[in-house]
N, C-alpha and C. Protein backbone atom coordinates (compact mmCIF):
# COMPACT_ATOMS: atom_id res chain seq x y z
N MET A 1 -6.30 -8.10 -7.50
CA MET A 1 -5.97 -7.82 -6.21
C MET A 1 -6.28 -8.74 -5.24
N PHE A 2 -7.63 -9.52 -5.53
CA PHE A 2 -8.95 -10.22 -4.57
C PHE A 2 -8.29 -11.27 -4.67
N SER A 3 -7.29 -11.49 -3.89
CA SER A 3 -6.16 -13.44 -4.27
C SER A 3 -5.99 -13.70 -3.28
N SER A 4 -5.47 -15.41 -2.75
CA SER A 4 -5.13 -15.33 -2.47
C SER A 4 -3.32 -15.81 -2.13
N ASP A 5 -3.10 -16.16 -3.45
CA ASP A 5 -2.38 -15.57 -4.24
C ASP A 5 -0.91 -14.93 -4.04
N ARG A 6 -0.08 -15.21 -3.41
CA ARG A 6 0.97 -13.89 -3.10
C ARG A 6 1.75 -13.57 -4.70
N VAL A 7 2.15 -13.87 -5.33
CA VAL A 7 2.69 -13.92 -6.33
C VAL A 7 1.27 -12.99 -7.45
N GLN A 8 0.43 -13.50 -7.40
CA GLN A 8 -0.41 -12.84 -8.23
C GLN A 8 -0.83 -11.11 -7.49
N MET A 9 -0.65 -11.41 -6.05
CA MET A 9 -1.22 -10.47 -5.72
C MET A 9 0.01 -9.09 -6.25
N ARG A 10 1.17 -10.09 -5.69
CA ARG A 10 2.11 -8.72 -6.00
C ARG A 10 1.99 -8.38 -7.37
N ARG A 11 1.70 -9.55 -8.42
CA ARG A 11 1.96 -9.06 -10.14
C ARG A 11 0.36 -7.88 -9.91
N VAL A 12 -0.30 -7.67 -8.87
CA VAL A 12 -0.79 -6.49 -9.65
C VAL A 12 0.33 -4.72 -9.46
N PHE A 13 0.45 -4.87 -8.17
CA PHE A 13 1.57 -4.32 -7.78
C PHE A 13 2.04 -3.95 -9.05
N VAL A 14 3.06 -4.27 -9.11
CA VAL A 14 4.13 -5.01 -10.75
C VAL A 14 2.94 -4.38 -11.53
N ASP A 15 2.66 -4.93 -12.06
CA ASP A 15 1.60 -4.29 -13.44
C ASP A 15 1.36 -3.26 -13.58
N ALA A 16 0.60 -2.28 -12.38
CA ALA A 16 0.93 -1.40 -12.10
C ALA A 16 1.06 -0.22 -12.52
N TRP A 17 2.11 -0.10 -11.62
CA TRP A 17 3.12 0.64 -12.30
C TRP A 17 3.81 0.63 -13.12
N ARG A 18 4.26 -0.65 -13.79
CA ARG A 18 4.46 -0.43 -15.24
C ARG A 18 3.83 -0.08 -15.90
N LYS A 19 2.76 0.23 -15.86
CA LYS A 19 1.74 0.58 -17.09
C LYS A 19 1.74 2.50 -16.54
N TYR A 20 1.40 2.69 -15.24
CA TYR A 20 2.24 4.03 -14.77
C TYR A 20 2.89 4.75 -15.35
N ARG A 21 4.00 3.96 -15.04
CA ARG A 21 5.38 3.95 -16.23
C ARG A 21 5.05 4.11 -17.45
N ASN A 22 4.50 4.06 -17.98
CA ASN A 22 4.59 3.55 -19.46
C ASN A 22 3.47 4.67 -20.28
N HIS A 23 2.87 5.34 -19.29
CA HIS A 23 1.79 6.50 -20.03
C HIS A 23 0.58 5.17 -20.46
N GLU A 24 0.22 4.47 -20.29
CA GLU A 24 -0.76 3.27 -20.39
C GLU A 24 -2.28 3.30 -19.57
N PRO A 25 -3.01 2.97 -20.18
CA PRO A 25 -4.33 3.75 -19.28
C PRO A 25 -4.06 2.77 -18.24
N LEU A 26 -5.06 2.88 -16.88
CA LEU A 26 -4.78 1.96 -15.82
C LEU A 26 -7.05 2.23 -15.76
N GLU A 27 -6.94 0.71 -14.37
CA GLU A 27 -7.81 1.08 -14.31
C GLU A 27 -7.92 1.82 -12.83
N PRO A 28 -9.85 1.86 -12.32
CA PRO A 28 -9.11 2.68 -11.04
C PRO A 28 -8.18 1.89 -9.99
N LEU A 29 -8.74 0.65 -9.53
CA LEU A 29 -7.37 -0.27 -9.13
C LEU A 29 -6.35 0.26 -8.97
N GLU A 30 -6.08 0.19 -10.23
CA GLU A 30 -4.43 0.28 -10.85
C GLU A 30 -3.63 1.46 -10.55
N ARG A 31 -5.07 2.48 -10.68
CA ARG A 31 -4.37 4.32 -10.22
C ARG A 31 -4.20 4.36 -8.78
N LEU A 32 -4.87 3.95 -8.18
CA LEU A 32 -4.89 3.64 -6.20
C LEU A 32 -3.25 3.22 -6.16
N ILE A 33 -3.24 2.07 -6.30
CA ILE A 33 -2.34 1.17 -6.76
C ILE A 33 -0.92 1.84 -6.95
N ALA A 34 -0.80 2.75 -8.01
CA ALA A 34 0.53 4.05 -9.17
C ALA A 34 0.43 4.89 -7.94
N GLU A 35 -0.26 5.09 -7.73
CA GLU A 35 -0.57 6.60 -6.31
C GLU A 35 0.71 5.84 -5.64
N VAL A 36 0.04 5.67 -4.80
CA VAL A 36 0.54 4.94 -3.61
C VAL A 36 2.09 4.48 -4.08
N VAL A 37 2.54 3.72 -5.13
CA VAL A 37 3.92 3.98 -4.85
C VAL A 37 4.72 4.76 -5.37
N ARG A 38 3.64 5.86 -6.06
CA ARG A 38 4.13 6.73 -6.27
C ARG A 38 4.63 7.56 -5.55
N GLN A 39 4.16 7.29 -4.33
CA GLN A 39 4.34 8.10 -3.04
C GLN A 39 5.67 7.90 -2.24
N HIS A 40 6.00 5.97 -3.17
CA HIS A 40 7.46 5.36 -1.67
C HIS A 40 8.67 4.83 -3.07
N PRO A 41 8.70 6.35 -3.07
CA PRO A 41 10.61 6.17 -4.25
C PRO A 41 11.05 5.11 -4.03
N GLU A 42 11.43 5.02 -2.62
CA GLU A 42 12.13 4.05 -1.63
C GLU A 42 12.18 2.18 -3.07
N TYR A 43 10.77 2.05 -3.56
CA TYR A 43 10.03 0.56 -3.60
C TYR A 43 10.43 1.16 -5.13
N HIS A 44 10.83 2.07 -5.61
CA HIS A 44 10.80 2.01 -7.31
C HIS A 44 11.45 1.30 -7.72
N PRO A 45 12.98 1.22 -7.18
CA PRO A 45 14.04 0.36 -7.86
C PRO A 45 13.61 -1.35 -7.95
N LEU A 46 12.94 -2.00 -6.64
CA LEU A 46 12.55 -2.80 -6.79
C LEU A 46 11.63 -3.44 -7.23
N LEU A 47 10.60 -3.09 -7.56
CA LEU A 47 9.64 -3.14 -8.47
C LEU A 47 9.32 -2.86 -9.57
N ALA A 48 10.81 -2.13 -10.12
CA ALA A 48 11.40 -2.20 -12.20
C ALA A 48 12.37 -3.43 -11.83
N THR A 49 12.69 -4.42 -10.36
CA THR A 49 13.50 -5.53 -11.09
C THR A 49 13.34 -7.17 -11.78
N ASP A 50 13.16 -7.97 -11.26
CA ASP A 50 13.12 -9.46 -11.60
C ASP A 50 11.49 -9.39 -11.23
N ALA A 51 11.12 -10.51 -12.33
CA ALA A 51 10.85 -11.97 -11.34
C ALA A 51 11.30 -12.48 -9.41
N ALA A 52 12.25 -12.30 -9.94
CA ALA A 52 12.47 -12.96 -8.00
C ALA A 52 11.46 -12.13 -6.94
N LEU A 53 11.55 -11.33 -6.99
CA LEU A 53 10.88 -10.50 -6.39
C LEU A 53 9.64 -10.83 -5.75
N LEU A 54 8.49 -12.34 -7.10
CA LEU A 54 7.16 -12.46 -6.61
C LEU A 54 7.09 -13.11 -5.50
N GLN A 55 8.86 -14.17 -5.61
CA GLN A 55 8.66 -14.74 -4.35
C GLN A 55 9.75 -14.74 -3.51
N ARG A 56 10.22 -13.30 -3.17
CA ARG A 56 10.20 -13.00 -2.30
C ARG A 56 9.72 -13.14 -0.91
N ASP A 57 10.82 -13.91 -0.48
CA ASP A 57 10.13 -13.62 1.86
C ASP A 57 10.89 -12.05 2.19
N PHE A 58 9.97 -11.89 2.97
CA PHE A 58 10.61 -10.33 3.51
C PHE A 58 10.09 -10.36 5.07
N GLY A 59 11.54 -11.07 5.75
CA GLY A 59 11.30 -11.36 7.16
C GLY A 59 12.27 -9.81 7.86
N ALA A 60 11.23 -10.31 9.36
CA ALA A 60 12.09 -9.03 9.97
C ALA A 60 12.93 -8.83 9.97
N GLU A 61 13.60 -10.20 9.61
CA GLU A 61 15.54 -10.44 10.32
C GLU A 61 16.32 -10.22 8.61
N ASP A 62 15.54 -9.57 8.07
CA ASP A 62 16.28 -8.60 6.35
C ASP A 62 16.36 -8.07 7.24
N GLY A 63 15.99 -7.30 8.06
CA GLY A 63 16.19 -5.67 8.19
C GLY A 63 15.40 -4.76 7.03
N GLN A 64 14.22 -5.45 5.73
CA GLN A 64 13.28 -4.58 5.53
C GLN A 64 12.07 -4.58 5.47
N SER A 65 10.83 -4.11 5.81
CA SER A 65 9.79 -4.55 5.81
C SER A 65 9.28 -4.57 4.38
N ASN A 66 7.84 -5.73 4.55
CA ASN A 66 7.43 -5.87 3.23
C ASN A 66 7.19 -4.77 2.59
N PRO A 67 7.02 -4.23 1.09
CA PRO A 67 7.61 -2.96 0.67
C PRO A 67 5.54 -3.85 0.37
N PHE A 68 4.84 -5.01 -0.16
CA PHE A 68 3.60 -4.94 -0.52
C PHE A 68 2.91 -4.66 0.75
N LEU A 69 3.46 -5.18 1.70
CA LEU A 69 2.07 -5.07 3.04
C LEU A 69 2.18 -4.22 3.44
N HIS A 70 3.18 -3.24 2.90
CA HIS A 70 3.35 -1.68 3.80
C HIS A 70 1.65 -0.73 2.88
N MET A 71 2.56 -1.32 1.55
CA MET A 71 1.35 -0.71 0.74
C MET A 71 0.08 -1.07 0.58
N GLY A 72 0.15 -2.04 0.40
CA GLY A 72 -1.00 -2.82 0.43
C GLY A 72 -2.13 -2.34 2.40
N LEU A 73 -1.27 -2.04 2.49
CA LEU A 73 -2.14 -1.29 4.97
C LEU A 73 -2.99 0.32 3.92
N HIS A 74 -1.55 1.15 3.17
CA HIS A 74 -2.15 2.87 3.19
C HIS A 74 -2.92 2.43 2.21
N ILE A 75 -4.00 1.62 0.78
CA ILE A 75 -4.77 1.31 0.41
C ILE A 75 -5.99 0.73 1.09
N SER A 76 -6.08 -0.30 1.77
CA SER A 76 -7.44 -0.60 3.59
C SER A 76 -7.36 0.18 3.39
N LEU A 77 -6.10 0.79 4.08
CA LEU A 77 -6.16 1.74 5.00
C LEU A 77 -7.74 4.02 3.76
N GLN A 78 -6.85 3.88 2.74
CA GLN A 78 -7.81 4.86 2.16
C GLN A 78 -8.93 4.07 1.65
N GLU A 79 -9.33 2.65 1.58
CA GLU A 79 -10.22 2.74 1.03
C GLU A 79 -11.41 2.39 3.17
N GLN A 80 -10.59 2.15 3.60
CA GLN A 80 -10.91 2.74 4.46
C GLN A 80 -12.48 3.42 5.33
N ALA A 81 -11.76 4.59 4.41
CA ALA A 81 -11.39 5.98 5.13
C ALA A 81 -12.87 6.14 4.00
N GLY A 82 -12.34 6.04 2.92
CA GLY A 82 -13.75 6.06 1.69
C GLY A 82 -15.01 5.24 1.78
N SER A 83 -14.97 4.26 2.74
CA SER A 83 -16.66 3.70 2.59
C SER A 83 -17.02 3.78 3.93
N ASP A 84 -16.02 4.10 4.88
CA ASP A 84 -16.08 5.18 6.50
C ASP A 84 -16.81 3.54 7.16
N ARG A 85 -15.90 2.50 7.22
CA ARG A 85 -16.02 1.74 7.75
C ARG A 85 -14.49 0.65 8.22
N PRO A 86 -14.51 0.46 9.51
CA PRO A 86 -16.62 1.22 10.87
C PRO A 86 -16.68 2.35 10.47
N ILE A 87 -17.58 2.16 10.90
CA ILE A 87 -18.13 3.63 10.71
C ILE A 87 -17.49 4.91 12.05
N GLY A 88 -17.75 5.91 11.27
CA GLY A 88 -16.63 6.95 12.09
C GLY A 88 -15.07 6.79 11.60
N ILE A 89 -14.28 5.97 10.69
CA ILE A 89 -13.44 6.17 10.30
C ILE A 89 -12.28 7.43 9.11
N ARG A 90 -13.70 7.83 8.35
CA ARG A 90 -13.44 9.62 7.53
C ARG A 90 -12.83 10.18 8.65
N ASP A 91 -13.69 10.58 9.44
CA ASP A 91 -13.98 12.00 10.26
C ASP A 91 -12.29 11.98 11.16
N LEU A 92 -11.92 10.13 11.64
CA LEU A 92 -10.64 10.03 12.58
C LEU A 92 -9.61 10.59 11.51
N TYR A 93 -9.47 9.58 10.59
CA TYR A 93 -8.74 9.99 9.53
C TYR A 93 -8.69 11.64 8.07
N ARG A 94 -9.80 12.22 8.71
CA ARG A 94 -9.61 13.61 8.22
C ARG A 94 -9.07 14.72 9.82
N GLN A 95 -9.73 14.56 11.15
CA GLN A 95 -8.88 15.32 11.87
C GLN A 95 -7.60 14.79 12.04
N LEU A 96 -6.56 13.65 11.37
CA LEU A 96 -5.35 13.39 11.61
C LEU A 96 -4.47 13.89 10.68
N ILE A 97 -4.86 13.47 9.16
CA ILE A 97 -4.45 14.61 8.45
C ILE A 97 -4.38 16.05 8.88
N GLY A 98 -5.59 16.75 8.60
CA GLY A 98 -5.66 17.58 9.68
C GLY A 98 -4.51 18.25 10.73
N ARG A 99 -4.65 17.44 11.88
CA ARG A 99 -3.51 17.36 12.82
C ARG A 99 -2.08 17.66 11.44
N LEU A 100 -1.88 16.89 10.74
CA LEU A 100 -0.45 16.69 10.82
C LEU A 100 -0.14 17.52 9.58
N GLY A 101 -0.78 17.46 9.00
CA GLY A 101 -1.05 18.55 7.82
C GLY A 101 -1.34 17.76 6.04
N ASP A 102 -0.55 16.68 7.07
CA ASP A 102 -0.03 15.31 4.98
C ASP A 102 -1.02 14.41 5.11
N ALA A 103 -1.35 14.09 4.78
CA ALA A 103 -2.59 12.50 4.16
C ALA A 103 -1.61 11.50 4.24
N HIS A 104 -0.36 10.93 3.46
CA HIS A 104 0.37 10.11 4.44
C HIS A 104 1.22 9.96 5.75
N ALA A 105 1.04 10.62 5.96
CA ALA A 105 1.65 10.92 6.67
C ALA A 105 0.83 10.19 8.41
N ALA A 106 -0.91 11.25 7.97
CA ALA A 106 -1.74 10.34 9.00
C ALA A 106 -1.81 8.67 8.57
N GLU A 107 -1.89 8.29 7.66
CA GLU A 107 -1.81 6.95 6.86
C GLU A 107 -0.19 6.27 7.61
N HIS A 108 0.01 6.18 7.85
CA HIS A 108 2.04 6.21 8.37
C HIS A 108 1.06 6.04 10.08
N ARG A 109 0.00 7.31 10.34
CA ARG A 109 0.31 6.65 11.50
C ARG A 109 -0.65 5.54 12.14
N LEU A 110 -1.61 6.02 11.02
CA LEU A 110 -2.43 5.07 11.23
C LEU A 110 -2.70 3.23 10.46
N MET A 111 -1.81 3.43 10.03
CA MET A 111 -1.08 2.31 9.79
C MET A 111 -0.33 1.40 10.84
N GLU A 112 0.79 2.41 11.79
CA GLU A 112 1.28 1.34 13.15
C GLU A 112 -0.21 0.66 14.42
N CYS A 113 -0.47 1.21 13.90
CA CYS A 113 -2.02 0.29 14.59
C CYS A 113 -2.58 -0.49 13.76
N LEU A 114 -2.81 -0.76 12.74
CA LEU A 114 -3.56 -1.39 12.35
C LEU A 114 -2.42 -2.34 12.29
N GLY A 115 -1.18 -2.53 11.47
CA GLY A 115 -0.13 -3.36 11.79
C GLY A 115 0.30 -4.15 13.62
N LEU A 116 0.17 -3.47 13.92
CA LEU A 116 -0.11 -3.25 15.69
C LEU A 116 -0.71 -4.99 15.51
N ASN A 117 -2.47 -4.26 15.09
CA ASN A 117 -3.70 -5.16 15.29
C ASN A 117 -3.16 -6.96 14.15
N LEU A 118 -2.85 -6.57 13.53
CA LEU A 118 -1.95 -7.92 12.47
C LEU A 118 -1.24 -8.58 12.87
N TRP A 119 -0.39 -7.63 13.61
CA TRP A 119 0.64 -9.06 14.10
C TRP A 119 -0.13 -9.02 15.65
N GLU A 120 -0.59 -9.00 16.35
CA GLU A 120 -1.10 -9.86 17.31
C GLU A 120 -2.16 -10.81 16.57
N ALA A 121 -3.02 -10.61 15.96
CA ALA A 121 -4.07 -11.59 15.35
C ALA A 121 -3.06 -12.63 14.99
C-alpha cells in the first residue's frame, strides 16, 4: 500500500477485495480496504475486471472520479481519526457522525475538504 507505484497500490485494493469475496484470511490493512470497498458497490464490478484497470487513468474529462483515490481518501480519514492526527480530528469526526448519523456520510463530507486541499496543492 505504501508505494509510489500506482499499479502496485491499486493491486492492493484489487487483491484485498478478491480475498474478501473468497473468504480468505485478511491482514488488518486488507480488512480496512475490503470494508471501504464493501461500502462502495458501484466499484465492485470495476475491481473484478481485468488488469487494464490497474493502468487506467481516471480523468475528470471521463466523467468518472478515480475510485482508488476515493477509497484511499476514506482510508486516510479513518486513519487520521483513529490516530487523532492532526490533534482534534477525532472529536470533529465523531461530532460530524453524530450530526449526520452515518460515518460513511461524514467521511464524504470531510473528503470534500480534503479533496479540495489536495487539488489546490
